[in-house]
C-alpha atoms as a PDB file:
ATOM      1  CA  MET A   1      -3.363   3.595  11.591  1.00  0.00           C
ATOM      2  CA  TYR A   2      -1.815   0.100  11.462  1.00  0.00           C
ATOM      3  CA  LEU A   3       1.755   0.704  12.691  1.00  0.00           C
ATOM      4  CA  GLN A   4       1.429  -0.740  16.185  1.00  0.00           C
ATOM      5  CA  HIS A   5      -0.724  -3.597  14.925  1.00  0.00           C
ATOM      6  CA  PHE A   6       2.088  -4.878  12.657  1.00  0.00           C
ATOM      7  CA  GLY A   7       5.001  -3.804  14.854  1.00  0.00           C
ATOM      8  CA  LEU A   8       6.138  -0.967  12.576  1.00  0.00           C
ATOM      9  CA  THR A   9       7.722   2.367  13.453  1.00  0.00           C
ATOM     10  CA  GLU A  10       6.718   4.120  10.221  1.00  0.00           C
ATOM     11  CA  PHE A  11       4.693   3.432   7.110  1.00  0.00           C
ATOM     12  CA  PRO A  12       6.755   1.103   4.890  1.00  0.00           C
ATOM     13  CA  PHE A  13       5.078   1.766   1.553  1.00  0.00           C
ATOM     14  CA  GLY A  14       4.740   5.517   1.233  1.00  0.00           C
ATOM     15  CA  ILE A  15       5.033   6.934  -2.285  1.00  0.00           C
ATOM     16  CA  THR A  16       7.116   9.941  -1.197  1.00  0.00           C
ATOM     17  CA  PRO A  17      10.728   9.199  -2.232  1.00  0.00           C
ATOM     18  CA  ASP A  18      12.644   8.502   0.999  1.00  0.00           C
ATOM     19  CA  THR A  19      16.242   7.381   0.509  1.00  0.00           C
ATOM     20  CA  GLY A  20      16.047   5.543   3.818  1.00  0.00           C
ATOM     21  CA  PHE A  21      13.928   2.991   1.926  1.00  0.00           C
ATOM     22  CA  TYR A  22      16.124   2.864  -1.184  1.00  0.00           C
ATOM     23  CA  PHE A  23      16.254  -0.671  -2.602  1.00  0.00           C
ATOM     24  CA  SER A  24      19.102  -1.782  -4.868  1.00  0.00           C
ATOM     25  CA  ALA A  25      17.127  -3.514  -7.590  1.00  0.00           C
ATOM     26  CA  HIS A  26      19.132  -4.531 -10.642  1.00  0.00           C
ATOM     27  CA  ASP A  27      18.089  -1.607 -12.824  1.00  0.00           C
ATOM     28  CA  SER A  28      18.171   1.084 -10.165  1.00  0.00           C
ATOM     29  CA  GLN A  29      21.605   0.032  -8.941  1.00  0.00           C
ATOM     30  CA  ALA A  30      22.976  -0.156 -12.483  1.00  0.00           C
ATOM     31  CA  ALA A  31      21.568   3.325 -13.121  1.00  0.00           C
ATOM     32  CA  LEU A  32      23.098   4.653  -9.889  1.00  0.00           C
ATOM     33  CA  ASN A  33      26.475   3.158 -10.788  1.00  0.00           C
ATOM     34  CA  THR A  34      26.235   4.786 -14.211  1.00  0.00           C
ATOM     35  CA  LEU A  35      25.429   8.129 -12.603  1.00  0.00           C
ATOM     36  CA  LEU A  36      28.302   7.973 -10.123  1.00  0.00           C
ATOM     37  CA  VAL A  37      30.824   7.082 -12.829  1.00  0.00           C
ATOM     38  CA  ALA A  38      29.454   9.756 -15.170  1.00  0.00           C
ATOM     39  CA  VAL A  39      29.468  12.460 -12.503  1.00  0.00           C
ATOM     40  CA  GLN A  40      33.078  11.635 -11.700  1.00  0.00           C
ATOM     41  CA  SER A  41      33.981  12.226 -15.348  1.00  0.00           C
ATOM     42  CA  GLY A  42      32.682  15.782 -15.000  1.00  0.00           C
ATOM     43  CA  GLU A  43      31.630  16.312 -18.609  1.00  0.00           C
ATOM     44  CA  GLY A  44      28.493  16.346 -20.696  1.00  0.00           C
ATOM     45  CA  PHE A  45      24.866  15.637 -19.969  1.00  0.00           C
ATOM     46  CA  ILE A  46      23.642  12.460 -18.280  1.00  0.00           C
ATOM     47  CA  LYS A  47      20.182  11.146 -19.114  1.00  0.00           C
ATOM     48  CA  ILE A  48      18.060   8.728 -17.090  1.00  0.00           C
ATOM     49  CA  THR A  49      14.687   7.689 -18.478  1.00  0.00           C
ATOM     50  CA  GLY A  50      11.986   5.337 -17.301  1.00  0.00           C
ATOM     51  CA  GLU A  51       8.255   4.830 -17.308  1.00  0.00           C
ATOM     52  CA  VAL A  52       6.021   6.413 -14.673  1.00  0.00           C
ATOM     53  CA  GLY A  53       6.544   4.783 -11.275  1.00  0.00           C
ATOM     54  CA  THR A  54       9.932   3.150 -11.926  1.00  0.00           C
ATOM     55  CA  GLY A  55      11.710   5.165  -9.221  1.00  0.00           C
ATOM     56  CA  LYS A  56      13.447   7.998 -11.091  1.00  0.00           C
ATOM     57  CA  THR A  57      12.901  10.590  -8.359  1.00  0.00           C
ATOM     58  CA  MET A  58      14.107   8.163  -5.696  1.00  0.00           C
ATOM     59  CA  LEU A  59      17.210   7.540  -7.813  1.00  0.00           C
ATOM     60  CA  CYS A  60      17.781  11.273  -8.210  1.00  0.00           C
ATOM     61  CA  ARG A  61      17.636  11.804  -4.460  1.00  0.00           C
ATOM     62  CA  LYS A  62      19.853   8.792  -3.801  1.00  0.00           C
ATOM     63  CA  LEU A  63      22.437  10.250  -6.175  1.00  0.00           C
ATOM     64  CA  MET A  64      22.374  13.598  -4.364  1.00  0.00           C
ATOM     65  CA  THR A  65      22.828  11.963  -0.946  1.00  0.00           C
ATOM     66  CA  SER A  66      25.652   9.768  -2.297  1.00  0.00           C
ATOM     67  CA  LEU A  67      27.846  12.688  -3.361  1.00  0.00           C
ATOM     68  CA  GLY A  68      30.398  14.307  -1.072  1.00  0.00           C
ATOM     69  CA  ASP A  69      30.773  17.864   0.147  1.00  0.00           C
ATOM     70  CA  GLU A  70      32.879  18.729  -2.887  1.00  0.00           C
ATOM     71  CA  TYR A  71      29.670  18.901  -4.940  1.00  0.00           C
ATOM     72  CA  GLN A  72      27.345  21.884  -5.117  1.00  0.00           C
ATOM     73  CA  ILE A  73      23.978  20.521  -6.238  1.00  0.00           C
ATOM     74  CA  ALA A  74      21.172  22.485  -7.841  1.00  0.00           C
ATOM     75  CA  TYR A  75      17.967  20.444  -7.768  1.00  0.00           C
ATOM     76  CA  VAL A  76      15.065  21.497 -10.004  1.00  0.00           C
ATOM     77  CA  PRO A  77      12.044  19.217  -9.346  1.00  0.00           C
ATOM     78  CA  ASN A  78       9.736  21.041 -11.760  1.00  0.00           C
ATOM     79  CA  PRO A  79      11.585  22.189 -14.893  1.00  0.00           C
ATOM     80  CA  TYR A  80       8.449  23.356 -16.705  1.00  0.00           C
ATOM     81  CA  LEU A  81      10.050  26.777 -16.855  1.00  0.00           C
ATOM     82  CA  GLN A  82      10.836  29.264 -19.584  1.00  0.00           C
ATOM     83  CA  PRO A  83      14.562  30.051 -20.085  1.00  0.00           C
ATOM     84  CA  MET A  84      14.605  33.132 -17.837  1.00  0.00           C
ATOM     85  CA  ALA A  85      12.668  31.368 -15.073  1.00  0.00           C
ATOM     86  CA  LEU A  86      15.017  28.370 -15.286  1.00  0.00           C
ATOM     87  CA  LEU A  87      18.078  30.614 -14.972  1.00  0.00           C
ATOM     88  CA  LEU A  88      16.497  32.328 -11.962  1.00  0.00           C
ATOM     89  CA  GLU A  89      15.803  28.936 -10.377  1.00  0.00           C
ATOM     90  CA  LEU A  90      19.416  27.868 -10.893  1.00  0.00           C
ATOM     91  CA  ALA A  91      20.633  31.203  -9.539  1.00  0.00           C
ATOM     92  CA  ALA A  92      18.602  30.687  -6.374  1.00  0.00           C
ATOM     93  CA  GLU A  93      19.850  27.105  -5.972  1.00  0.00           C
ATOM     94  CA  LEU A  94      23.485  28.183  -6.389  1.00  0.00           C
ATOM     95  CA  GLY A  95      23.222  31.156  -4.049  1.00  0.00           C
ATOM     96  CA  VAL A  96      23.353  33.924  -6.655  1.00  0.00           C
ATOM     97  CA  ALA A  97      21.771  37.127  -5.392  1.00  0.00           C
ATOM     98  CA  SER A  98      19.534  38.555  -8.097  1.00  0.00           C
ATOM     99  CA  GLU A  99      16.903  41.245  -8.361  1.00  0.00           C
ATOM    100  CA  PRO A 100      13.469  40.483  -9.848  1.00  0.00           C
ATOM    101  CA  LEU A 101      13.815  40.303 -13.625  1.00  0.00           C
ATOM    102  CA  SER A 102      11.292  40.775 -16.380  1.00  0.00           C
ATOM    103  CA  GLU A 103      10.633  37.850 -18.690  1.00  0.00           C
ATOM    104  CA  GLY A 104      12.148  38.439 -22.132  1.00  0.00           C
ATOM    105  CA  ASN A 105      14.445  41.332 -21.185  1.00  0.00           C
ATOM    106  CA  THR A 106      17.667  40.532 -23.057  1.00  0.00           C
ATOM    107  CA  LEU A 107      19.839  42.897 -21.020  1.00  0.00           C
ATOM    108  CA  GLN A 108      18.595  41.500 -17.720  1.00  0.00           C
ATOM    109  CA  GLN A 109      19.060  37.927 -18.946  1.00  0.00           C
ATOM    110  CA  HIS A 110      22.605  38.822 -19.955  1.00  0.00           C
ATOM    111  CA  ARG A 111      23.278  40.162 -16.457  1.00  0.00           C
ATOM    112  CA  LEU A 112      21.829  37.025 -14.899  1.00  0.00           C
ATOM    113  CA  VAL A 113      23.988  34.737 -17.043  1.00  0.00           C
ATOM    114  CA  LYS A 114      27.022  36.854 -16.128  1.00  0.00           C
ATOM    115  CA  ALA A 115      26.201  36.570 -12.428  1.00  0.00           C
ATOM    116  CA  LEU A 116      25.770  32.794 -12.795  1.00  0.00           C
ATOM    117  CA  THR A 117      29.086  32.559 -14.616  1.00  0.00           C
ATOM    118  CA  GLN A 118      30.880  34.452 -11.843  1.00  0.00           C
ATOM    119  CA  ARG A 119      29.293  32.203  -9.239  1.00  0.00           C
ATOM    120  CA  LEU A 120      30.324  29.061 -11.129  1.00  0.00           C
ATOM    121  CA  LEU A 121      33.893  30.348 -11.393  1.00  0.00           C
ATOM    122  CA  GLN A 122      33.919  31.120  -7.686  1.00  0.00           C
ATOM    123  CA  LEU A 123      32.695  27.632  -6.820  1.00  0.00           C
ATOM    124  CA  SER A 124      35.357  26.143  -9.095  1.00  0.00           C
ATOM    125  CA  ILE A 125      38.070  28.133  -7.315  1.00  0.00           C
ATOM    126  CA  GLU A 126      36.708  26.828  -4.000  1.00  0.00           C
ATOM    127  CA  GLY A 127      37.106  23.277  -5.300  1.00  0.00           C
ATOM    128  CA  LYS A 128      33.378  22.688  -5.725  1.00  0.00           C
ATOM    129  CA  ARG A 129      31.908  20.756  -8.633  1.00  0.00           C
ATOM    130  CA  VAL A 130      28.479  21.957  -9.715  1.00  0.00           C
ATOM    131  CA  LEU A 131      25.831  19.398 -10.613  1.00  0.00           C
ATOM    132  CA  VAL A 132      22.364  20.343 -11.873  1.00  0.00           C
ATOM    133  CA  CYS A 133      19.686  17.664 -11.398  1.00  0.00           C
ATOM    134  CA  LEU A 134      16.464  18.120 -13.382  1.00  0.00           C
ATOM    135  CA  ASP A 135      13.519  15.871 -12.560  1.00  0.00           C
ATOM    136  CA  GLU A 136      10.526  15.389 -14.900  1.00  0.00           C
ATOM    137  CA  ALA A 137      12.622  16.819 -17.734  1.00  0.00           C
ATOM    138  CA  GLN A 138      10.142  15.626 -20.387  1.00  0.00           C
ATOM    139  CA  ALA A 139       8.050  18.678 -19.396  1.00  0.00           C
ATOM    140  CA  MET A 140      10.875  21.118 -20.065  1.00  0.00           C
ATOM    141  CA  PRO A 141      10.392  23.530 -23.002  1.00  0.00           C
ATOM    142  CA  ILE A 142      12.855  23.038 -25.850  1.00  0.00           C
ATOM    143  CA  GLU A 143      14.000  26.664 -25.487  1.00  0.00           C
ATOM    144  CA  SER A 144      14.919  26.020 -21.851  1.00  0.00           C
ATOM    145  CA  LEU A 145      16.865  22.899 -22.764  1.00  0.00           C
ATOM    146  CA  GLU A 146      18.852  24.985 -25.227  1.00  0.00           C
ATOM    147  CA  ALA A 147      19.482  27.677 -22.601  1.00  0.00           C
ATOM    148  CA  LEU A 148      20.772  24.982 -20.278  1.00  0.00           C
ATOM    149  CA  ARG A 149      23.089  23.675 -22.985  1.00  0.00           C
ATOM    150  CA  LEU A 150      24.524  27.140 -23.515  1.00  0.00           C
ATOM    151  CA  LEU A 151      25.191  27.418 -19.786  1.00  0.00           C
ATOM    152  CA  THR A 152      27.209  24.196 -19.908  1.00  0.00           C
ATOM    153  CA  ASN A 153      29.525  25.788 -22.469  1.00  0.00           C
ATOM    154  CA  LEU A 154      31.255  27.484 -19.540  1.00  0.00           C
ATOM    155  CA  GLU A 155      34.520  25.762 -18.737  1.00  0.00           C
ATOM    156  CA  THR A 156      38.064  26.168 -17.510  1.00  0.00           C
ATOM    157  CA  GLU A 157      41.084  24.706 -19.261  1.00  0.00           C
ATOM    158  CA  LYS A 158      40.571  21.518 -17.265  1.00  0.00           C
ATOM    159  CA  ARG A 159      36.840  20.871 -17.069  1.00  0.00           C
ATOM    160  CA  LYS A 160      33.284  22.113 -17.413  1.00  0.00           C
ATOM    161  CA  LEU A 161      31.985  24.461 -14.744  1.00  0.00           C
ATOM    162  CA  VAL A 162      28.631  22.694 -14.573  1.00  0.00           C
ATOM    163  CA  GLN A 163      27.336  19.209 -15.312  1.00  0.00           C
ATOM    164  CA  VAL A 164      23.688  18.287 -15.860  1.00  0.00           C
ATOM    165  CA  VAL A 165      21.678  15.141 -15.062  1.00  0.00           C
ATOM    166  CA  ILE A 166      18.213  14.951 -16.607  1.00  0.00           C
ATOM    167  CA  PHE A 167      15.569  12.488 -15.408  1.00  0.00           C
ATOM    168  CA  GLY A 168      12.442  11.975 -17.459  1.00  0.00           C
ATOM    169  CA  GLN A 169       9.773   9.725 -18.901  1.00  0.00           C
ATOM    170  CA  PRO A 170      10.245   8.113 -22.354  1.00  0.00           C
ATOM    171  CA  GLU A 171       8.693  11.224 -23.931  1.00  0.00           C
ATOM    172  CA  LEU A 172      11.981  12.957 -23.136  1.00  0.00           C
ATOM    173  CA  ASP A 173      13.651  11.005 -25.939  1.00  0.00           C
ATOM    174  CA  GLU A 174      11.049  12.319 -28.388  1.00  0.00           C
ATOM    175  CA  LYS A 175      11.754  15.886 -27.276  1.00  0.00           C
ATOM    176  CA  LEU A 176      15.507  15.417 -27.591  1.00  0.00           C
ATOM    177  CA  ALA A 177      15.012  14.188 -31.161  1.00  0.00           C
ATOM    178  CA  HIS A 178      13.939  17.713 -32.186  1.00  0.00           C
ATOM    179  CA  PRO A 179      16.420  19.089 -34.764  1.00  0.00           C
ATOM    180  CA  SER A 180      16.776  22.418 -32.935  1.00  0.00           C
ATOM    181  CA  ILE A 181      18.526  20.782 -29.953  1.00  0.00           C
ATOM    182  CA  ARG A 182      20.618  18.205 -31.781  1.00  0.00           C
ATOM    183  CA  GLN A 183      23.744  19.768 -30.218  1.00  0.00           C
ATOM    184  CA  LEU A 184      22.447  18.933 -26.751  1.00  0.00           C
ATOM    185  CA  ARG A 185      21.639  15.383 -27.846  1.00  0.00           C
ATOM    186  CA  GLN A 186      25.265  14.949 -28.964  1.00  0.00           C
ATOM    187  CA  ARG A 187      26.468  16.041 -25.530  1.00  0.00           C
ATOM    188  CA  ILE A 188      24.690  13.219 -23.693  1.00  0.00           C
ATOM    189  CA  THR A 189      27.709  11.139 -22.746  1.00  0.00           C
ATOM    190  CA  PHE A 190      25.930   8.622 -20.487  1.00  0.00           C
ATOM    191  CA  ASP A 191      22.330   7.413 -20.456  1.00  0.00           C
ATOM    192  CA  TYR A 192      20.349   4.624 -18.868  1.00  0.00           C
ATOM    193  CA  CYS A 193      16.731   3.468 -19.090  1.00  0.00           C
ATOM    194  CA  ILE A 194      15.189   2.106 -15.875  1.00  0.00           C
ATOM    195  CA  GLY A 195      12.692  -0.734 -16.083  1.00  0.00           C
ATOM    196  CA  PRO A 196      10.411  -2.270 -13.441  1.00  0.00           C
ATOM    197  CA  MET A 197      11.730  -4.698 -10.857  1.00  0.00           C
ATOM    198  CA  ARG A 198      12.250  -8.272 -11.914  1.00  0.00           C
ATOM    199  CA  ASP A 199       9.890 -10.918 -10.585  1.00  0.00           C
ATOM    200  CA  GLY A 200      12.203 -12.232  -7.873  1.00  0.00           C
ATOM    201  CA  GLU A 201      13.133  -8.748  -6.722  1.00  0.00           C
ATOM    202  CA  VAL A 202       9.642  -7.802  -5.562  1.00  0.00           C
ATOM    203  CA  ASP A 203       9.788 -10.281  -2.654  1.00  0.00           C
ATOM    204  CA  TYR A 204      13.082  -8.778  -1.496  1.00  0.00           C
ATOM    205  CA  TYR A 205      11.658  -5.289  -2.012  1.00  0.00           C
ATOM    206  CA  LEU A 206       8.695  -5.976   0.267  1.00  0.00           C
ATOM    207  CA  HIS A 207      10.960  -7.493   2.923  1.00  0.00           C
ATOM    208  CA  HIS A 208      13.473  -4.632   2.664  1.00  0.00           C
ATOM    209  CA  ARG A 209      10.895  -1.887   3.121  1.00  0.00           C
ATOM    210  CA  LEU A 210       9.166  -3.662   5.991  1.00  0.00           C
ATOM    211  CA  MET A 211      12.505  -4.116   7.775  1.00  0.00           C
ATOM    212  CA  ALA A 212      13.399  -0.460   7.157  1.00  0.00           C
ATOM    213  CA  ALA A 213      10.057   0.466   8.732  1.00  0.00           C
ATOM    214  CA  GLY A 214      10.863  -1.478  11.903  1.00  0.00           C
ATOM    215  CA  HIS A 215       9.248  -4.874  11.288  1.00  0.00           C
ATOM    216  CA  ARG A 216      11.089  -7.707  13.046  1.00  0.00           C
ATOM    217  CA  GLY A 217       8.578 -10.551  12.902  1.00  0.00           C
ATOM    218  CA  GLY A 218       7.811 -13.213  10.340  1.00  0.00           C
ATOM    219  CA  ALA A 219       6.575 -12.750   6.777  1.00  0.00           C
ATOM    220  CA  LEU A 220       3.641 -10.343   6.614  1.00  0.00           C
ATOM    221  CA  PHE A 221       2.580 -11.241   3.056  1.00  0.00           C
ATOM    222  CA  SER A 222       1.564 -14.776   2.214  1.00  0.00           C
ATOM    223  CA  GLY A 223       2.946 -16.491  -0.874  1.00  0.00           C
ATOM    224  CA  ALA A 224      -0.380 -16.150  -2.700  1.00  0.00           C
ATOM    225  CA  ALA A 225      -0.571 -12.471  -1.748  1.00  0.00           C
ATOM    226  CA  ARG A 226       2.931 -11.813  -3.093  1.00  0.00           C
ATOM    227  CA  ARG A 227       2.248 -13.659  -6.338  1.00  0.00           C
ATOM    228  CA  LEU A 228      -0.916 -11.676  -7.024  1.00  0.00           C
ATOM    229  CA  LEU A 229       0.793  -8.407  -6.097  1.00  0.00           C
ATOM    230  CA  LYS A 230       3.713  -9.110  -8.447  1.00  0.00           C
ATOM    231  CA  ARG A 231       1.451 -10.123 -11.309  1.00  0.00           C
ATOM    232  CA  ARG A 232      -0.832  -7.109 -11.090  1.00  0.00           C
ATOM    233  CA  THR A 233       1.776  -4.394 -10.388  1.00  0.00           C
ATOM    234  CA  ARG A 234       4.285  -5.840 -12.915  1.00  0.00           C
ATOM    235  CA  GLY A 235       7.119  -4.816 -10.592  1.00  0.00           C
ATOM    236  CA  TYR A 236       6.624  -1.043 -10.796  1.00  0.00           C
ATOM    237  CA  PRO A 237       7.768   0.260  -7.392  1.00  0.00           C
ATOM    238  CA  ARG A 238       5.081   2.938  -7.069  1.00  0.00           C
ATOM    239  CA  LEU A 239       2.292   0.469  -7.811  1.00  0.00           C
ATOM    240  CA  VAL A 240       3.822  -2.080  -5.434  1.00  0.00           C
ATOM    241  CA  ASN A 241       3.833   0.575  -2.704  1.00  0.00           C
ATOM    242  CA  ILE A 242       0.232   1.607  -3.329  1.00  0.00           C
ATOM    243  CA  VAL A 243      -1.141  -1.942  -3.375  1.00  0.00           C
ATOM    244  CA  ALA A 244       0.976  -3.146  -0.421  1.00  0.00           C
ATOM    245  CA  HIS A 245      -0.126  -0.183   1.705  1.00  0.00           C
ATOM    246  CA  LYS A 246      -3.801  -0.794   0.933  1.00  0.00           C
ATOM    247  CA  ALA A 247      -3.424  -4.520   1.542  1.00  0.00           C
ATOM    248  CA  LEU A 248      -1.949  -3.831   4.989  1.00  0.00           C
ATOM    249  CA  MET A 249      -4.886  -1.526   5.693  1.00  0.00           C
ATOM    250  CA  CYS A 250      -7.265  -4.267   4.632  1.00  0.00           C
ATOM    251  CA  ALA A 251      -5.617  -6.911   6.849  1.00  0.00           C
ATOM    252  CA  TYR A 252      -5.623  -4.476   9.758  1.00  0.00           C
ATOM    253  CA  GLY A 253      -9.289  -3.709   9.248  1.00  0.00           C
ATOM    254  CA  ARG A 254     -10.041  -7.434   9.430  1.00  0.00           C
ATOM    255  CA  GLY A 255      -7.978  -7.788  12.598  1.00  0.00           C
ATOM    256  CA  ARG A 256      -5.431 -10.072  10.919  1.00  0.00           C
ATOM    257  CA  THR A 257      -1.670 -10.018  11.559  1.00  0.00           C
ATOM    258  CA  SER A 258      -0.713 -11.017   8.006  1.00  0.00           C
ATOM    259  CA  VAL A 259      -1.775 -10.140   4.464  1.00  0.00           C
ATOM    260  CA  ASP A 260      -3.455 -12.844   2.389  1.00  0.00           C
ATOM    261  CA  TYR A 261      -4.589 -13.152  -1.229  1.00  0.00           C
ATOM    262  CA  TRP A 262      -7.961 -11.512  -0.550  1.00  0.00           C
ATOM    263  CA  ASP A 263      -6.363  -8.462   1.019  1.00  0.00           C
ATOM    264  CA  VAL A 264      -4.219  -7.906  -2.057  1.00  0.00           C
ATOM    265  CA  ARG A 265      -7.160  -8.574  -4.374  1.00  0.00           C
ATOM    266  CA  ALA A 266      -9.224  -5.948  -2.544  1.00  0.00           C
ATOM    267  CA  ALA A 267      -6.292  -3.514  -2.701  1.00  0.00           C
ATOM    268  CA  VAL A 268      -5.870  -4.105  -6.435  1.00  0.00           C
ATOM    269  CA  GLY A 269      -9.596  -3.626  -6.948  1.00  0.00           C
ATOM    270  CA  ASP A 270      -9.345  -0.260  -5.200  1.00  0.00           C
ATOM    271  CA  THR A 271      -6.506   0.921  -7.487  1.00  0.00           C
ATOM    272  CA  ARG A 272      -8.084   2.355 -10.602  1.00  0.00           C
ATOM    273  CA  SER A 273      -4.908   2.360 -12.722  1.00  0.00           C
ATOM    274  CA  LEU A 274      -4.721  -1.443 -12.452  1.00  0.00           C
ATOM    275  CA  ASN A 275      -8.300  -2.174 -13.465  1.00  0.00           C
ATOM    276  CA  ALA A 276      -8.885  -0.838 -16.962  1.00  0.00           C
ATOM    277  CA  GLY A 277     -11.310  -3.215 -18.663  1.00  0.00           C
ATOM    278  CA  LEU A 278     -11.379  -5.795 -15.871  1.00  0.00           C
ATOM    279  CA  PRO A 279     -14.858  -7.030 -14.846  1.00  0.00           C
ATOM    280  CA  TRP A 280     -13.947  -8.361 -11.401  1.00  0.00           C
ATOM    281  CA  LYS A 281     -12.545  -5.212  -9.770  1.00  0.00           C
ATOM    282  CA  THR A 282     -13.736  -4.518  -6.224  1.00  0.00           C
ATOM    283  CA  GLY A 283     -13.081  -1.742  -3.752  1.00  0.00           C
ATOM    284  CA  LEU A 284     -11.472  -2.277  -0.367  1.00  0.00           C
ATOM    285  CA  ALA A 285     -14.686  -2.260   1.624  1.00  0.00           C
ATOM    286  CA  TRP A 286     -16.429  -4.658  -0.807  1.00  0.00           C
ATOM    287  CA  GLY A 287     -13.337  -6.855  -0.795  1.00  0.00           C
ATOM    288  CA  LEU A 288     -13.603  -7.104   2.966  1.00  0.00           C
ATOM    289  CA  LEU A 289     -17.270  -8.070   2.743  1.00  0.00           C
ATOM    290  CA  LEU A 290     -16.431 -10.785   0.215  1.00  0.00           C
ATOM    291  CA  SER A 291     -13.881 -12.242   2.607  1.00  0.00           C
ATOM    292  CA  GLY A 292     -16.191 -12.131   5.627  1.00  0.00           C
ATOM    293  CA  GLY A 293     -14.891  -8.884   7.114  1.00  0.00           C
ATOM    294  CA  VAL A 294     -16.463  -5.464   7.607  1.00  0.00           C
ATOM    295  CA  GLY A 295     -16.112  -2.117   5.813  1.00  0.00           C
ATOM    296  CA  LEU A 296     -12.427  -1.189   5.997  1.00  0.00           C
ATOM    297  CA  MET A 297     -12.410   2.517   6.556  1.00  0.00           C
ATOM    298  CA  ALA A 298     -15.127   2.644   9.213  1.00  0.00           C
ATOM    299  CA  TYR A 299     -13.663  -0.339  11.047  1.00  0.00           C
ATOM    300  CA  ALA A 300     -10.066   0.834  10.801  1.00  0.00           C
ATOM    301  CA  ILE A 301     -10.937   4.300  12.009  1.00  0.00           C
ATOM    302  CA  ALA A 302     -12.909   2.878  14.913  1.00  0.00           C
ATOM    303  CA  ARG A 303      -9.916   0.708  15.894  1.00  0.00           C
ATOM    304  CA  SER A 304      -7.669   3.774  15.837  1.00  0.00           C
ATOM    305  CA  LEU A 305      -9.831   5.825  18.226  1.00  0.00           C
END
């Protein structure tokens, strides 16, 4: 819609985690460093927590792309799985051939664990280190967490056959406090909590993503626009992306080549999660009318035809 207008080759503020746009903010880089050191140690669980929108999935994917060929990675983006289903998911990720199994069949689960064990041993002999990455782990049933812990009991004389990194929202800590999985909690050897970007980092973040998307001109966001964006999003990367994308749409709809305060205000007004209890919220189209423009979507679509 607005790529050619702003001299971009791709959308700079998408919310799909793309490691090509990874930004080394203080917290995310410290968390990545922690992960790389912990993975090298080869033992225990690693836990990364953070509020919604702080970039945990982006960090997870950056970790996976940062590791060499000596790692065999099993990525589970949705761990809301019962123990048998989780084991089947790991088997598929690690290349274990398995027949369809019935939930709750102890003999079949035993065979699956045995097949996983043989596969882990084979990978170890081949010089591979197995890393399991679980995203959104706060949704994982306690029974599945325990099954995962039991799987990590497998080891050679030198090291564990599998290492686990769990990413989750703060509710994950509440789940791990349950007495029935206290053994897993004791095995967390490294952990880090990600916070939002610091105030000064948001400016660099905007610039970084615009450059990664092909922008080579001057500043697209005015100082007033950046200040409002930072204040309202509080430095949460996902919210920054949502508001910045809408603000660019708004500026494009008005035929402007830069984003001003009113564009960001209209974008904020169109983002429901930022407007609880605020009397002045406005949608994008109304924001354009307030600033002397026309309805965004109709105008932007017409410009694209």
